[in-house]
Protein backbone atom coordinates (compact mmCIF):
# COMPACT_ATOMS: atom_id res chain seq x y z
CA MET A 1 12.22 50.29 12.84
CA LYS A 2 8.88 49.47 10.85
CA ARG A 3 11.20 47.40 8.39
CA LEU A 4 12.36 45.52 11.76
CA LEU A 5 9.02 44.48 12.72
CA TYR A 6 7.85 43.64 9.49
CA ILE A 7 10.84 41.37 9.39
CA PHE A 8 9.89 39.76 12.64
CA PHE A 9 6.53 39.42 11.91
CA LEU A 10 7.62 37.88 8.76
CA PHE A 11 9.52 35.63 10.42
CA LEU A 12 6.63 34.48 12.91
CA LEU A 13 4.12 33.65 9.99
CA ILE A 14 7.12 31.57 8.43
CA THR A 15 7.99 29.47 11.48
CA GLY A 16 4.88 29.53 12.78
CA CYS A 17 2.52 27.78 10.39
CA LYS A 18 3.35 24.00 10.32
CA LYS A 19 0.98 21.60 8.28
CA LEU A 20 -0.09 18.75 10.08
CA GLU A 21 -1.00 15.24 9.08
CA LYS A 22 -4.38 14.88 9.80
CA GLU A 23 -3.95 11.24 10.20
CA PRO A 24 -0.31 9.01 10.65
CA LEU A 25 0.48 7.87 7.61
CA GLY A 26 1.18 4.04 9.13
CA PRO A 27 1.83 1.38 9.85
CA THR A 28 -0.42 -0.43 8.07
CA ASP A 29 -1.12 -4.52 8.25
CA ILE A 30 -2.09 -5.70 5.05
CA ARG A 31 -2.56 -9.45 3.87
CA ILE A 32 -3.65 -10.78 0.70
CA ARG A 33 -6.71 -12.88 -0.20
CA ASN A 34 -6.11 -15.18 -3.64
CA LEU A 35 -9.54 -15.07 -4.83
CA SER A 36 -8.15 -17.40 -7.67
CA ASP A 37 -7.81 -21.38 -8.02
CA VAL A 38 -4.27 -21.30 -8.39
CA VAL A 39 -1.45 -21.64 -6.43
CA MET A 40 0.65 -18.25 -5.56
CA ASN A 41 4.53 -18.80 -5.01
CA GLU A 42 7.13 -16.30 -4.35
CA LEU A 43 4.09 -13.43 -3.63
CA THR A 44 5.46 -10.41 -3.18
CA VAL A 45 4.23 -7.18 -2.62
CA GLU A 46 5.32 -3.68 -2.62
CA THR A 47 3.13 -0.79 -1.58
CA GLY A 48 5.11 2.38 -1.44
CA GLY A 49 5.73 2.03 2.56
CA GLY A 50 8.07 -0.94 1.75
CA THR A 51 7.90 -4.80 0.45
CA ASN A 52 7.69 -7.94 2.10
CA ASN A 53 7.53 -11.60 0.67
CA TYR A 54 4.33 -13.71 1.67
CA GLY A 55 5.77 -16.89 0.03
CA ILE A 56 3.19 -19.57 -1.08
CA LEU A 57 -0.30 -18.81 -0.97
CA ASN A 58 -2.46 -21.68 -1.77
CA ALA A 59 -6.03 -21.02 -3.95
CA LEU A 60 -8.81 -19.38 -2.42
CA SER A 61 -6.90 -18.48 0.76
CA VAL A 62 -5.65 -15.73 2.88
CA THR A 63 -2.19 -14.87 4.10
CA ASP A 64 -0.92 -13.85 7.82
CA TYR A 65 -0.54 -9.90 7.96
CA PHE A 66 2.57 -7.97 7.26
CA ARG A 67 3.46 -4.59 8.21
CA PHE A 68 4.14 -1.91 5.81
CA GLU A 69 5.60 1.68 6.66
CA LYS A 70 2.74 2.82 4.53
CA ALA A 71 0.30 1.58 1.89
CA TYR A 72 -1.78 2.93 -0.65
CA PRO A 73 -4.99 1.24 -2.52
CA LYS A 74 -2.53 0.19 -5.11
CA ALA A 75 0.04 -2.04 -4.77
CA ASN A 76 3.10 -3.54 -6.83
CA ILE A 77 2.15 -7.49 -6.42
CA SER A 78 4.18 -10.08 -8.17
CA ALA A 79 3.81 -13.63 -8.03
CA ILE A 80 4.79 -16.84 -10.06
CA ILE A 81 2.04 -19.29 -11.04
CA ASN A 82 2.74 -22.52 -12.83
CA GLY A 83 6.56 -21.27 -13.88
CA GLN A 84 5.69 -17.60 -14.90
CA LYS A 85 5.13 -14.25 -13.41
CA TYR A 86 2.46 -12.82 -13.14
CA LYS A 87 2.19 -9.09 -11.71
CA THR A 88 0.28 -6.00 -11.37
CA ASP A 89 -0.03 -2.58 -13.58
CA THR A 90 2.70 -0.70 -11.71
CA ALA A 91 1.12 1.28 -9.09
CA ILE A 92 2.15 5.31 -9.26
CA TYR A 93 1.50 6.45 -5.36
CA TYR A 94 2.03 10.23 -6.09
CA TYR A 95 -1.79 10.81 -6.35
CA MET A 96 -3.34 8.37 -4.03
CA GLN A 97 -4.04 8.53 -0.35
CA TYR A 98 -2.50 6.26 2.36
CA LEU A 99 -4.62 3.79 3.87
CA GLY A 100 -3.53 5.20 7.33
CA GLN A 101 -3.22 3.18 10.70
CA VAL A 102 -5.23 -0.33 9.39
CA LYS A 103 -5.77 -3.42 8.78
CA ALA A 104 -6.42 -4.10 5.23
CA THR A 105 -6.61 -6.94 3.07
CA TYR A 106 -5.95 -6.75 -0.89
CA GLU A 107 -7.96 -9.09 -3.14
CA ILE A 108 -6.41 -10.25 -6.12
CA PHE A 109 -6.94 -12.32 -8.97
CA ILE A 110 -5.43 -13.08 -12.56
CA GLU A 111 -7.23 -10.54 -15.03
CA SER A 112 -5.46 -12.19 -17.95
CA ASP A 113 -3.36 -15.54 -18.42
CA ALA A 114 -2.36 -14.15 -21.59
CA GLN A 115 -0.51 -10.78 -20.54
CA ARG A 116 0.50 -12.35 -16.91
CA LYS A 117 -1.40 -9.82 -15.02
CA LEU A 118 -2.80 -9.91 -11.62
CA LYS A 119 -5.30 -6.82 -10.43
CA ILE A 120 -6.50 -5.92 -6.91
CA SER A 121 -10.29 -6.20 -7.18
CA ASN A 122 -10.66 -4.90 -4.14
CA VAL A 123 -9.51 -3.53 -0.62
CA VAL A 124 -11.47 -4.48 2.86
CA MET A 125 -10.20 -2.58 5.53
CA GLU A 126 -10.46 -4.91 8.49
CA SER A 127 -10.01 -2.42 11.75
CA ASP A 128 -7.74 0.00 12.97
CA LEU A 129 -4.59 -1.26 14.37
CA LYS A 130 -4.46 -1.11 18.17
């Protein structure tokens, strides 16, 4: 009888404990601000929760928002600039905290012309999604 009672309590302990999310993963609305003085063509953003092509982003301009399932402070961003492909360092999302249900802006610039490297200088949290 004690063994049956022990198994029953163990079953309740295992099935009764459910990890709850502190906040939802997303969705997250992301837009891009071009801090450089060049036009970015075929601007593509991958956030760990989807990929969107923003098209053309003029110098010192901002895109419209695109919705992602989830997003992180870093992203994989690529663009064609003067016929050459530029991109950010590969983002590994495993240890990053997601942004949550917000509207956010990735501010990007050209970190190195020689290496054709883009960089996110800042992530601006605009507002909660409503």
